[in-house]
Amino acid sequence: MYEVPKTEVIFRYWKSEAIALFPYEIADFDGNCLSYMTVGQHSAANYDVLISVSRLATSEEYASLQEELARIGYNLKIVQRRQYQRYRRAVVDAMSRTPCTRVNACSRPPI
């Protein structure tokens, strides 16, 4: 049986709601990471900005969001911070998979 690979997630609490940050899932050419909230669902998020304006969510605060993510197919590994070198490798990898060789020449579609 196929097992869904683990996706690392950081749960933060922001504007009275839990938000899931996927620090190694690169969302766009600006290097933003993928995020998920119950309202709005998937979106790009600036990791550094969001970390500065939010706090780590407690397990009680993110429980329903964690359940929602599991229902839509995520197999989560909860972490508390991003490893910068691993993030940089993820950005380079994401950029190398795009058909455009110069980021500034592209129209910035999602990766």
PDB file of N, CA and C in Angstrom:
ATOM      1  N   MET A   1       0.841  -1.190   0.000  1.00  0.00           N
ATOM      2  CA  MET A   1       0.000   0.000   0.000  1.00  0.00           C
ATOM      3  C   MET A   1       0.882   1.247   0.000  1.00  0.00           C
ATOM      4  N   TYR A   2       0.462   2.255  -0.746  1.00  0.00           N
ATOM      5  CA  TYR A   2       1.224   3.502  -0.857  1.00  0.00           C
ATOM      6  C   TYR A   2       1.007   4.359   0.381  1.00  0.00           C
ATOM      7  N   GLU A   3       2.111   4.819   0.964  1.00  0.00           N
ATOM      8  CA  GLU A   3       2.022   5.719   2.113  1.00  0.00           C
ATOM      9  C   GLU A   3       2.353   7.134   1.659  1.00  0.00           C
ATOM     10  N   VAL A   4       1.491   8.062   2.009  1.00  0.00           N
ATOM     11  CA  VAL A   4       1.700   9.465   1.649  1.00  0.00           C
ATOM     12  C   VAL A   4       2.934   9.970   2.388  1.00  0.00           C
ATOM     13  N   PRO A   5       3.894  10.587   1.671  1.00  0.00           N
ATOM     14  CA  PRO A   5       5.085  11.099   2.355  1.00  0.00           C
ATOM     15  C   PRO A   5       4.724  12.189   3.357  1.00  0.00           C
ATOM     16  N   LYS A   6       5.533  12.307   4.385  1.00  0.00           N
ATOM     17  CA  LYS A   6       5.311  13.329   5.413  1.00  0.00           C
ATOM     18  C   LYS A   6       5.628  14.713   4.856  1.00  0.00           C
ATOM     19  N   THR A   7       4.796  15.664   5.206  1.00  0.00           N
ATOM     20  CA  THR A   7       4.998  17.062   4.857  1.00  0.00           C
ATOM     21  C   THR A   7       5.227  17.826   6.145  1.00  0.00           C
ATOM     22  N   GLU A   8       6.352  18.530   6.226  1.00  0.00           N
ATOM     23  CA  GLU A   8       6.641  19.299   7.433  1.00  0.00           C
ATOM     24  C   GLU A   8       5.767  20.539   7.486  1.00  0.00           C
ATOM     25  N   VAL A   9       5.240  20.808   8.678  1.00  0.00           N
ATOM     26  CA  VAL A   9       4.326  21.929   8.866  1.00  0.00           C
ATOM     27  C   VAL A   9       4.665  22.644  10.163  1.00  0.00           C
ATOM     28  N   ILE A  10       4.495  23.953  10.142  1.00  0.00           N
ATOM     29  CA  ILE A  10       4.627  24.785  11.334  1.00  0.00           C
ATOM     30  C   ILE A  10       3.262  25.415  11.560  1.00  0.00           C
ATOM     31  N   PHE A  11       2.674  25.170  12.722  1.00  0.00           N
ATOM     32  CA  PHE A  11       1.396  25.790  13.044  1.00  0.00           C
ATOM     33  C   PHE A  11       1.645  27.067  13.829  1.00  0.00           C
ATOM     34  N   ARG A  12       1.109  28.170  13.310  1.00  0.00           N
ATOM     35  CA  ARG A  12       1.232  29.470  13.955  1.00  0.00           C
ATOM     36  C   ARG A  12      -0.167  29.976  14.294  1.00  0.00           C
ATOM     37  N   TYR A  13      -0.244  30.929  15.209  1.00  0.00           N
ATOM     38  CA  TYR A  13      -1.514  31.549  15.585  1.00  0.00           C
ATOM     39  C   TYR A  13      -1.434  33.007  15.183  1.00  0.00           C
ATOM     40  N   TRP A  14      -2.383  33.426  14.324  1.00  0.00           N
ATOM     41  CA  TRP A  14      -2.337  34.763  13.732  1.00  0.00           C
ATOM     42  C   TRP A  14      -3.755  35.263  13.528  1.00  0.00           C
ATOM     43  N   LYS A  15      -4.031  36.467  13.976  1.00  0.00           N
ATOM     44  CA  LYS A  15      -5.359  37.072  13.827  1.00  0.00           C
ATOM     45  C   LYS A  15      -6.455  36.139  14.341  1.00  0.00           C
ATOM     46  N   SER A  16      -6.234  35.594  15.529  1.00  0.00           N
ATOM     47  CA  SER A  16      -7.170  34.699  16.234  1.00  0.00           C
ATOM     48  C   SER A  16      -7.542  33.451  15.430  1.00  0.00           C
ATOM     49  N   GLU A  17      -6.598  32.977  14.631  1.00  0.00           N
ATOM     50  CA  GLU A  17      -6.822  31.758  13.853  1.00  0.00           C
ATOM     51  C   GLU A  17      -5.496  31.027  13.639  1.00  0.00           C
ATOM     52  N   ALA A  18      -5.556  29.706  13.582  1.00  0.00           N
ATOM     53  CA  ALA A  18      -4.363  28.910  13.304  1.00  0.00           C
ATOM     54  C   ALA A  18      -4.084  28.932  11.803  1.00  0.00           C
ATOM     55  N   ILE A  19      -2.810  28.963  11.475  1.00  0.00           N
ATOM     56  CA  ILE A  19      -2.372  28.898  10.085  1.00  0.00           C
ATOM     57  C   ILE A  19      -1.265  27.858   9.993  1.00  0.00           C
ATOM     58  N   ALA A  20      -1.309  27.059   8.938  1.00  0.00           N
ATOM     59  CA  ALA A  20      -0.286  26.046   8.693  1.00  0.00           C
ATOM     60  C   ALA A  20       0.693  26.594   7.663  1.00  0.00           C
ATOM     61  N   LEU A  21       1.963  26.581   8.006  1.00  0.00           N
ATOM     62  CA  LEU A  21       3.021  26.975   7.069  1.00  0.00           C
ATOM     63  C   LEU A  21       3.775  25.724   6.648  1.00  0.00           C
ATOM     64  N   PHE A  22       3.959  25.565   5.360  1.00  0.00           N
ATOM     65  CA  PHE A  22       4.741  24.455   4.822  1.00  0.00           C
ATOM     66  C   PHE A  22       6.069  25.053   4.353  1.00  0.00           C
ATOM     67  N   PRO A  23       7.088  25.057   5.221  1.00  0.00           N
ATOM     68  CA  PRO A  23       8.297  25.848   4.964  1.00  0.00           C
ATOM     69  C   PRO A  23       9.131  25.406   3.775  1.00  0.00           C
ATOM     70  N   TYR A  24       8.965  24.166   3.309  1.00  0.00           N
ATOM     71  CA  TYR A  24       9.782  23.689   2.187  1.00  0.00           C
ATOM     72  C   TYR A  24       8.953  23.481   0.923  1.00  0.00           C
ATOM     73  N   GLU A  25       7.710  23.918   0.960  1.00  0.00           N
ATOM     74  CA  GLU A  25       6.851  23.876  -0.224  1.00  0.00           C
ATOM     75  C   GLU A  25       6.829  25.289  -0.796  1.00  0.00           C
ATOM     76  N   ILE A  26       7.587  25.513  -1.853  1.00  0.00           N
ATOM     77  CA  ILE A  26       7.753  26.855  -2.408  1.00  0.00           C
ATOM     78  C   ILE A  26       6.563  27.169  -3.314  1.00  0.00           C
ATOM     79  N   ALA A  27       5.912  28.310  -3.042  1.00  0.00           N
ATOM     80  CA  ALA A  27       4.654  28.655  -3.703  1.00  0.00           C
ATOM     81  C   ALA A  27       4.817  29.543  -4.931  1.00  0.00           C
ATOM     82  N   ASP A  28       5.902  30.322  -4.991  1.00  0.00           N
ATOM     83  CA  ASP A  28       6.020  31.274  -6.099  1.00  0.00           C
ATOM     84  C   ASP A  28       7.473  31.668  -6.320  1.00  0.00           C
ATOM     85  N   PHE A  29       7.685  32.528  -7.302  1.00  0.00           N
ATOM     86  CA  PHE A  29       9.041  32.948  -7.659  1.00  0.00           C
ATOM     87  C   PHE A  29       9.682  33.878  -6.635  1.00  0.00           C
ATOM     88  N   ASP A  30       8.920  34.372  -5.680  1.00  0.00           N
ATOM     89  CA  ASP A  30       9.480  35.205  -4.619  1.00  0.00           C
ATOM     90  C   ASP A  30      10.030  34.371  -3.467  1.00  0.00           C
ATOM     91  N   GLY A  31       9.888  33.063  -3.539  1.00  0.00           N
ATOM     92  CA  GLY A  31      10.382  32.186  -2.479  1.00  0.00           C
ATOM     93  C   GLY A  31       9.425  32.055  -1.311  1.00  0.00           C
ATOM     94  N   ASN A  32       8.188  32.519  -1.480  1.00  0.00           N
ATOM     95  CA  ASN A  32       7.194  32.357  -0.415  1.00  0.00           C
ATOM     96  C   ASN A  32       6.836  30.893  -0.255  1.00  0.00           C
ATOM     97  N   CYS A  33       6.460  30.526   0.950  1.00  0.00           N
ATOM     98  CA  CYS A  33       6.089  29.140   1.203  1.00  0.00           C
ATOM     99  C   CYS A  33       4.575  28.983   1.085  1.00  0.00           C
ATOM    100  N   LEU A  34       4.160  27.752   0.929  1.00  0.00           N
ATOM    101  CA  LEU A  34       2.747  27.448   0.876  1.00  0.00           C
ATOM    102  C   LEU A  34       2.181  27.514   2.291  1.00  0.00           C
ATOM    103  N   SER A  35       0.955  28.002   2.405  1.00  0.00           N
ATOM    104  CA  SER A  35       0.277  28.055   3.696  1.00  0.00           C
ATOM    105  C   SER A  35      -1.146  27.551   3.527  1.00  0.00           C
ATOM    106  N   TYR A  36      -1.805  27.313   4.647  1.00  0.00           N
ATOM    107  CA  TYR A  36      -3.188  26.849   4.605  1.00  0.00           C
ATOM    108  C   TYR A  36      -3.922  27.369   5.826  1.00  0.00           C
ATOM    109  N   MET A  37      -5.102  27.908   5.578  1.00  0.00           N
ATOM    110  CA  MET A  37      -6.012  28.324   6.650  1.00  0.00           C
ATOM    111  C   MET A  37      -7.388  27.772   6.300  1.00  0.00           C
ATOM    112  N   THR A  38      -8.214  27.564   7.308  1.00  0.00           N
ATOM    113  CA  THR A  38      -9.554  27.054   7.056  1.00  0.00           C
ATOM    114  C   THR A  38     -10.307  27.970   6.106  1.00  0.00           C
ATOM    115  N   VAL A  39     -10.269  29.268   6.362  1.00  0.00           N
ATOM    116  CA  VAL A  39     -10.879  30.239   5.450  1.00  0.00           C
ATOM    117  C   VAL A  39      -9.777  30.687   4.487  1.00  0.00           C
ATOM    118  N   GLY A  40      -9.999  30.501   3.213  1.00  0.00           N
ATOM    119  CA  GLY A  40      -8.988  30.891   2.225  1.00  0.00           C
ATOM    120  C   GLY A  40      -8.181  29.725   1.713  1.00  0.00           C
ATOM    121  N   GLN A  41      -8.033  28.708   2.508  1.00  0.00           N
ATOM    122  CA  GLN A  41      -7.326  27.484   2.184  1.00  0.00           C
ATOM    123  C   GLN A  41      -5.895  27.747   1.727  1.00  0.00           C
ATOM    124  N   HIS A  42      -5.427  27.143   0.626  1.00  0.00           N
ATOM    125  CA  HIS A  42      -4.024  27.275   0.225  1.00  0.00           C
ATOM    126  C   HIS A  42      -3.716  28.676  -0.301  1.00  0.00           C
ATOM    127  N   SER A  43      -2.520  29.150   0.071  1.00  0.00           N
ATOM    128  CA  SER A  43      -2.060  30.455  -0.393  1.00  0.00           C
ATOM    129  C   SER A  43      -0.551  30.533  -0.203  1.00  0.00           C
ATOM    130  N   ALA A  44       0.065  31.498  -0.859  1.00  0.00           N
ATOM    131  CA  ALA A  44       1.480  31.780  -0.628  1.00  0.00           C
ATOM    132  C   ALA A  44       1.596  32.652   0.612  1.00  0.00           C
ATOM    133  N   ALA A  45       2.674  32.460   1.375  1.00  0.00           N
ATOM    134  CA  ALA A  45       2.896  33.259   2.584  1.00  0.00           C
ATOM    135  C   ALA A  45       4.371  33.608   2.697  1.00  0.00           C
ATOM    136  N   ASN A  46       4.641  34.832   3.101  1.00  0.00           N
ATOM    137  CA  ASN A  46       6.011  35.249   3.377  1.00  0.00           C
ATOM    138  C   ASN A  46       6.360  34.742   4.769  1.00  0.00           C
ATOM    139  N   TYR A  47       7.223  33.750   4.817  1.00  0.00           N
ATOM    140  CA  TYR A  47       7.568  33.088   6.074  1.00  0.00           C
ATOM    141  C   TYR A  47       8.087  34.083   7.111  1.00  0.00           C
ATOM    142  N   ASP A  48       9.043  34.906   6.734  1.00  0.00           N
ATOM    143  CA  ASP A  48       9.671  35.817   7.695  1.00  0.00           C
ATOM    144  C   ASP A  48       8.664  36.811   8.280  1.00  0.00           C
ATOM    145  N   VAL A  49       7.805  37.355   7.428  1.00  0.00           N
ATOM    146  CA  VAL A  49       6.801  38.299   7.920  1.00  0.00           C
ATOM    147  C   VAL A  49       5.821  37.594   8.851  1.00  0.00           C
ATOM    148  N   LEU A  50       5.340  36.444   8.433  1.00  0.00           N
ATOM    149  CA  LEU A  50       4.344  35.746   9.252  1.00  0.00           C
ATOM    150  C   LEU A  50       4.915  35.309  10.597  1.00  0.00           C
ATOM    151  N   ILE A  51       6.154  34.887  10.602  1.00  0.00           N
ATOM    152  CA  ILE A  51       6.782  34.509  11.873  1.00  0.00           C
ATOM    153  C   ILE A  51       6.878  35.726  12.793  1.00  0.00           C
ATOM    154  N   SER A  52       7.141  36.898  12.239  1.00  0.00           N
ATOM    155  CA  SER A  52       7.304  38.097  13.070  1.00  0.00           C
ATOM    156  C   SER A  52       5.981  38.623  13.622  1.00  0.00           C
ATOM    157  N   VAL A  53       4.861  38.309  12.988  1.00  0.00           N
ATOM    158  CA  VAL A  53       3.573  38.850  13.440  1.00  0.00           C
ATOM    159  C   VAL A  53       2.678  37.796  14.082  1.00  0.00           C
ATOM    160  N   SER A  54       3.192  36.586  14.257  1.00  0.00           N
ATOM    161  CA  SER A  54       2.392  35.517  14.846  1.00  0.00           C
ATOM    162  C   SER A  54       3.183  34.832  15.952  1.00  0.00           C
ATOM    163  N   ARG A  55       2.550  33.857  16.576  1.00  0.00           N
ATOM    164  CA  ARG A  55       3.232  33.049  17.591  1.00  0.00           C
ATOM    165  C   ARG A  55       2.949  31.586  17.309  1.00  0.00           C
ATOM    166  N   LEU A  56       3.741  30.703  17.910  1.00  0.00           N
ATOM    167  CA  LEU A  56       3.461  29.277  17.758  1.00  0.00           C
ATOM    168  C   LEU A  56       2.072  28.989  18.293  1.00  0.00           C
ATOM    169  N   ALA A  57       1.320  28.197  17.577  1.00  0.00           N
ATOM    170  CA  ALA A  57      -0.012  27.809  18.031  1.00  0.00           C
ATOM    171  C   ALA A  57       0.105  26.644  19.006  1.00  0.00           C
ATOM    172  N   THR A  58      -0.791  26.605  19.965  1.00  0.00           N
ATOM    173  CA  THR A  58      -0.849  25.465  20.882  1.00  0.00           C
ATOM    174  C   THR A  58      -1.562  24.315  20.183  1.00  0.00           C
ATOM    175  N   SER A  59      -1.398  23.116  20.703  1.00  0.00           N
ATOM    176  CA  SER A  59      -2.044  21.954  20.085  1.00  0.00           C
ATOM    177  C   SER A  59      -3.564  22.105  20.077  1.00  0.00           C
ATOM    178  N   GLU A  60      -4.108  22.758  21.088  1.00  0.00           N
ATOM    179  CA  GLU A  60      -5.555  22.994  21.114  1.00  0.00           C
ATOM    180  C   GLU A  60      -5.971  23.969  20.011  1.00  0.00           C
ATOM    181  N   GLU A  61      -5.133  24.960  19.742  1.00  0.00           N
ATOM    182  CA  GLU A  61      -5.458  25.970  18.730  1.00  0.00           C
ATOM    183  C   GLU A  61      -5.398  25.417  17.306  1.00  0.00           C
ATOM    184  N   TYR A  62      -4.492  24.468  17.064  1.00  0.00           N
ATOM    185  CA  TYR A  62      -4.360  23.960  15.697  1.00  0.00           C
ATOM    186  C   TYR A  62      -5.006  22.597  15.473  1.00  0.00           C
ATOM    187  N   ALA A  63      -5.630  22.019  16.479  1.00  0.00           N
ATOM    188  CA  ALA A  63      -6.190  20.664  16.361  1.00  0.00           C
ATOM    189  C   ALA A  63      -7.171  20.523  15.201  1.00  0.00           C
ATOM    190  N   SER A  64      -8.120  21.445  15.079  1.00  0.00           N
ATOM    191  CA  SER A  64      -9.117  21.318  14.006  1.00  0.00           C
ATOM    192  C   SER A  64      -8.474  21.524  12.630  1.00  0.00           C
ATOM    193  N   LEU A  65      -7.488  22.409  12.539  1.00  0.00           N
ATOM    194  CA  LEU A  65      -6.788  22.623  11.268  1.00  0.00           C
ATOM    195  C   LEU A  65      -5.977  21.385  10.898  1.00  0.00           C
ATOM    196  N   GLN A  66      -5.348  20.774  11.870  1.00  0.00           N
ATOM    197  CA  GLN A  66      -4.591  19.543  11.634  1.00  0.00           C
ATOM    198  C   GLN A  66      -5.512  18.433  11.124  1.00  0.00           C
ATOM    199  N   GLU A  67      -6.687  18.313  11.725  1.00  0.00           N
ATOM    200  CA  GLU A  67      -7.660  17.312  11.276  1.00  0.00           C
ATOM    201  C   GLU A  67      -8.124  17.596   9.848  1.00  0.00           C
ATOM    202  N   GLU A  68      -8.363  18.862   9.544  1.00  0.00           N
ATOM    203  CA  GLU A  68      -8.785  19.247   8.191  1.00  0.00           C
ATOM    204  C   GLU A  68      -7.714  18.885   7.168  1.00  0.00           C
ATOM    205  N   LEU A  69      -6.463  19.168   7.484  1.00  0.00           N
ATOM    206  CA  LEU A  69      -5.371  18.847   6.567  1.00  0.00           C
ATOM    207  C   LEU A  69      -5.246  17.337   6.370  1.00  0.00           C
ATOM    208  N   ALA A  70      -5.439  16.569   7.435  1.00  0.00           N
ATOM    209  CA  ALA A  70      -5.392  15.109   7.318  1.00  0.00           C
ATOM    210  C   ALA A  70      -6.537  14.609   6.425  1.00  0.00           C
ATOM    211  N   ARG A  71      -7.705  15.210   6.544  1.00  0.00           N
ATOM    212  CA  ARG A  71      -8.861  14.813   5.717  1.00  0.00           C
ATOM    213  C   ARG A  71      -8.618  15.045   4.229  1.00  0.00           C
ATOM    214  N   ILE A  72      -7.854  16.089   3.895  1.00  0.00           N
ATOM    215  CA  ILE A  72      -7.610  16.360   2.471  1.00  0.00           C
ATOM    216  C   ILE A  72      -6.340  15.672   1.954  1.00  0.00           C
ATOM    217  N   GLY A  73      -5.725  14.825   2.795  1.00  0.00           N
ATOM    218  CA  GLY A  73      -4.650  13.975   2.302  1.00  0.00           C
ATOM    219  C   GLY A  73      -3.256  14.234   2.814  1.00  0.00           C
ATOM    220  N   TYR A  74      -3.075  15.193   3.689  1.00  0.00           N
ATOM    221  CA  TYR A  74      -1.738  15.468   4.212  1.00  0.00           C
ATOM    222  C   TYR A  74      -1.354  14.448   5.283  1.00  0.00           C
ATOM    223  N   ASN A  75      -0.101  14.037   5.276  1.00  0.00           N
ATOM    224  CA  ASN A  75       0.520  13.239   6.325  1.00  0.00           C
ATOM    225  C   ASN A  75       1.561  14.168   6.951  1.00  0.00           C
ATOM    226  N   LEU A  76       1.231  14.747   8.097  1.00  0.00           N
ATOM    227  CA  LEU A  76       2.011  15.867   8.630  1.00  0.00           C
ATOM    228  C   LEU A  76       3.088  15.457   9.623  1.00  0.00           C
ATOM    229  N   LYS A  77       4.193  16.178   9.562  1.00  0.00           N
ATOM    230  CA  LYS A  77       5.246  16.135  10.582  1.00  0.00           C
ATOM    231  C   LYS A  77       5.334  17.554  11.127  1.00  0.00           C
ATOM    232  N   ILE A  78       4.950  17.723  12.382  1.00  0.00           N
ATOM    233  CA  ILE A  78       4.922  19.060  12.984  1.00  0.00           C
ATOM    234  C   ILE A  78       6.322  19.442  13.445  1.00  0.00           C
ATOM    235  N   VAL A  79       6.769  20.615  12.997  1.00  0.00           N
ATOM    236  CA  VAL A  79       8.062  21.173  13.402  1.00  0.00           C
ATOM    237  C   VAL A  79       7.821  22.582  13.939  1.00  0.00           C
ATOM    238  N   GLN A  80       8.822  23.154  14.577  1.00  0.00           N
ATOM    239  CA  GLN A  80       8.644  24.481  15.169  1.00  0.00           C
ATOM    240  C   GLN A  80       9.361  25.588  14.427  1.00  0.00           C
ATOM    241  N   ARG A  81      10.318  25.234  13.574  1.00  0.00           N
ATOM    242  CA  ARG A  81      11.023  26.277  12.819  1.00  0.00           C
ATOM    243  C   ARG A  81      11.562  25.705  11.518  1.00  0.00           C
ATOM    244  N   ARG A  82      11.880  26.607  10.629  1.00  0.00           N
ATOM    245  CA  ARG A  82      12.428  26.253   9.327  1.00  0.00           C
ATOM    246  C   ARG A  82      13.946  26.185   9.425  1.00  0.00           C
ATOM    247  N   GLN A  83      14.541  25.226   8.739  1.00  0.00           N
ATOM    248  CA  GLN A  83      15.996  25.159   8.615  1.00  0.00           C
ATOM    249  C   GLN A  83      16.355  25.929   7.350  1.00  0.00           C
ATOM    250  N   TYR A  84      17.097  27.015   7.507  1.00  0.00           N
ATOM    251  CA  TYR A  84      17.317  27.932   6.392  1.00  0.00           C
ATOM    252  C   TYR A  84      18.011  27.264   5.202  1.00  0.00           C
ATOM    253  N   GLN A  85      19.041  26.469   5.443  1.00  0.00           N
ATOM    254  CA  GLN A  85      19.759  25.849   4.323  1.00  0.00           C
ATOM    255  C   GLN A  85      18.849  24.902   3.542  1.00  0.00           C
ATOM    256  N   ARG A  86      17.994  24.182   4.251  1.00  0.00           N
ATOM    257  CA  ARG A  86      17.056  23.291   3.571  1.00  0.00           C
ATOM    258  C   ARG A  86      16.038  24.103   2.763  1.00  0.00           C
ATOM    259  N   TYR A  87      15.596  25.226   3.311  1.00  0.00           N
ATOM    260  CA  TYR A  87      14.688  26.116   2.586  1.00  0.00           C
ATOM    261  C   TYR A  87      15.353  26.610   1.301  1.00  0.00           C
ATOM    262  N   ARG A  88      16.618  27.060   1.389  1.00  0.00           N
ATOM    263  CA  ARG A  88      17.318  27.561   0.195  1.00  0.00           C
ATOM    264  C   ARG A  88      17.420  26.474  -0.876  1.00  0.00           C
ATOM    265  N   ARG A  89      17.696  25.221  -0.441  1.00  0.00           N
ATOM    266  CA  ARG A  89      17.747  24.116  -1.409  1.00  0.00           C
ATOM    267  C   ARG A  89      16.379  23.912  -2.069  1.00  0.00           C
ATOM    268  N   ALA A  90      15.303  24.043  -1.295  1.00  0.00           N
ATOM    269  CA  ALA A  90      13.950  23.891  -1.836  1.00  0.00           C
ATOM    270  C   ALA A  90      13.661  24.979  -2.869  1.00  0.00           C
ATOM    271  N   VAL A  91      14.111  26.206  -2.607  1.00  0.00           N
ATOM    272  CA  VAL A  91      13.909  27.306  -3.557  1.00  0.00           C
ATOM    273  C   VAL A  91      14.669  27.021  -4.850  1.00  0.00           C
ATOM    274  N   VAL A  92      15.911  26.637  -4.747  1.00  0.00           N
ATOM    275  CA  VAL A  92      16.717  26.339  -5.941  1.00  0.00           C
ATOM    276  C   VAL A  92      16.082  25.201  -6.728  1.00  0.00           C
ATOM    277  N   ASP A  93      15.635  24.174  -6.031  1.00  0.00           N
ATOM    278  CA  ASP A  93      14.999  23.038  -6.695  1.00  0.00           C
ATOM    279  C   ASP A  93      13.718  23.476  -7.412  1.00  0.00           C
ATOM    280  N   ALA A  94      12.899  24.276  -6.748  1.00  0.00           N
ATOM    281  CA  ALA A  94      11.651  24.747  -7.354  1.00  0.00           C
ATOM    282  C   ALA A  94      11.928  25.600  -8.584  1.00  0.00           C
ATOM    283  N   MET A  95      12.911  26.470  -8.496  1.00  0.00           N
ATOM    284  CA  MET A  95      13.234  27.336  -9.634  1.00  0.00           C
ATOM    285  C   MET A  95      13.786  26.536 -10.804  1.00  0.00           C
ATOM    286  N   SER A  96      14.504  25.458 -10.521  1.00  0.00           N
ATOM    287  CA  SER A  96      15.087  24.663 -11.606  1.00  0.00           C
ATOM    288  C   SER A  96      14.034  23.838 -12.334  1.00  0.00           C
ATOM    289  N   ARG A  97      12.857  23.643 -11.720  1.00  0.00           N
ATOM    290  CA  ARG A  97      11.783  22.880 -12.367  1.00  0.00           C
ATOM    291  C   ARG A  97      10.915  23.736 -13.273  1.00  0.00           C
ATOM    292  N   THR A  98      11.115  25.042 -13.263  1.00  0.00           N
ATOM    293  CA  THR A  98      10.274  25.925 -14.071  1.00  0.00           C
ATOM    294  C   THR A  98      10.840  26.051 -15.478  1.00  0.00           C
ATOM    295  N   PRO A  99       9.995  26.325 -16.465  1.00  0.00           N
ATOM    296  CA  PRO A  99      10.488  26.448 -17.842  1.00  0.00           C
ATOM    297  C   PRO A  99      11.243  27.740 -18.113  1.00  0.00           C
ATOM    298  N   CYS A 100      11.162  28.701 -17.221  1.00  0.00           N
ATOM    299  CA  CYS A 100      11.791  30.001 -17.425  1.00  0.00           C
ATOM    300  C   CYS A 100      13.167  30.011 -16.766  1.00  0.00           C
ATOM    301  N   THR A 101      14.183  30.481 -17.476  1.00  0.00           N
ATOM    302  CA  THR A 101      15.528  30.480 -16.907  1.00  0.00           C
ATOM    303  C   THR A 101      15.834  31.756 -16.127  1.00  0.00           C
ATOM    304  N   ARG A 102      15.117  32.838 -16.414  1.00  0.00           N
ATOM    305  CA  ARG A 102      15.316  34.089 -15.678  1.00  0.00           C
ATOM    306  C   ARG A 102      14.029  34.418 -14.951  1.00  0.00           C
ATOM    307  N   VAL A 103      14.080  34.439 -13.641  1.00  0.00           N
ATOM    308  CA  VAL A 103      12.893  34.672 -12.846  1.00  0.00           C
ATOM    309  C   VAL A 103      12.237  36.000 -13.218  1.00  0.00           C
ATOM    310  N   ASN A 104      13.007  37.068 -13.416  1.00  0.00           N
ATOM    311  CA  ASN A 104      12.430  38.372 -13.716  1.00  0.00           C
ATOM    312  C   ASN A 104      11.743  38.409 -15.073  1.00  0.00           C
ATOM    313  N   ALA A 105      12.080  37.496 -15.965  1.00  0.00           N
ATOM    314  CA  ALA A 105      11.453  37.476 -17.287  1.00  0.00           C
ATOM    315  C   ALA A 105      10.120  36.739 -17.274  1.00  0.00           C
ATOM    316  N   CYS A 106       9.819  36.054 -16.199  1.00  0.00           N
ATOM    317  CA  CYS A 106       8.582  35.270 -16.113  1.00  0.00           C
ATOM    318  C   CYS A 106       7.430  36.137 -15.614  1.00  0.00           C
ATOM    319  N   SER A 107       6.234  35.660 -15.848  1.00  0.00           N
ATOM    320  CA  SER A 107       5.056  36.402 -15.394  1.00  0.00           C
ATOM    321  C   SER A 107       4.652  35.989 -13.984  1.00  0.00           C
ATOM    322  N   ARG A 108       5.514  35.325 -13.262  1.00  0.00           N
ATOM    323  CA  ARG A 108       5.325  34.909 -11.879  1.00  0.00           C
ATOM    324  C   ARG A 108       4.107  34.005 -11.654  1.00  0.00           C
ATOM    325  N   PRO A 109       3.957  32.938 -12.442  1.00  0.00           N
ATOM    326  CA  PRO A 109       2.867  32.001 -12.152  1.00  0.00           C
ATOM    327  C   PRO A 109       3.238  31.169 -10.941  1.00  0.00           C
ATOM    328  N   PRO A 110       2.261  30.548 -10.273  1.00  0.00           N
ATOM    329  CA  PRO A 110       2.610  29.669  -9.155  1.00  0.00           C
ATOM    330  C   PRO A 110       3.429  28.497  -9.642  1.00  0.00           C
ATOM    331  N   ILE A 111       4.301  28.007  -8.802  1.00  0.00           N
ATOM    332  CA  ILE A 111       5.140  26.857  -9.172  1.00  0.00           C
ATOM    333  C   ILE A 111       4.334  25.590  -8.969  1.00  0.00           C
TER     334      ILE A 111
END
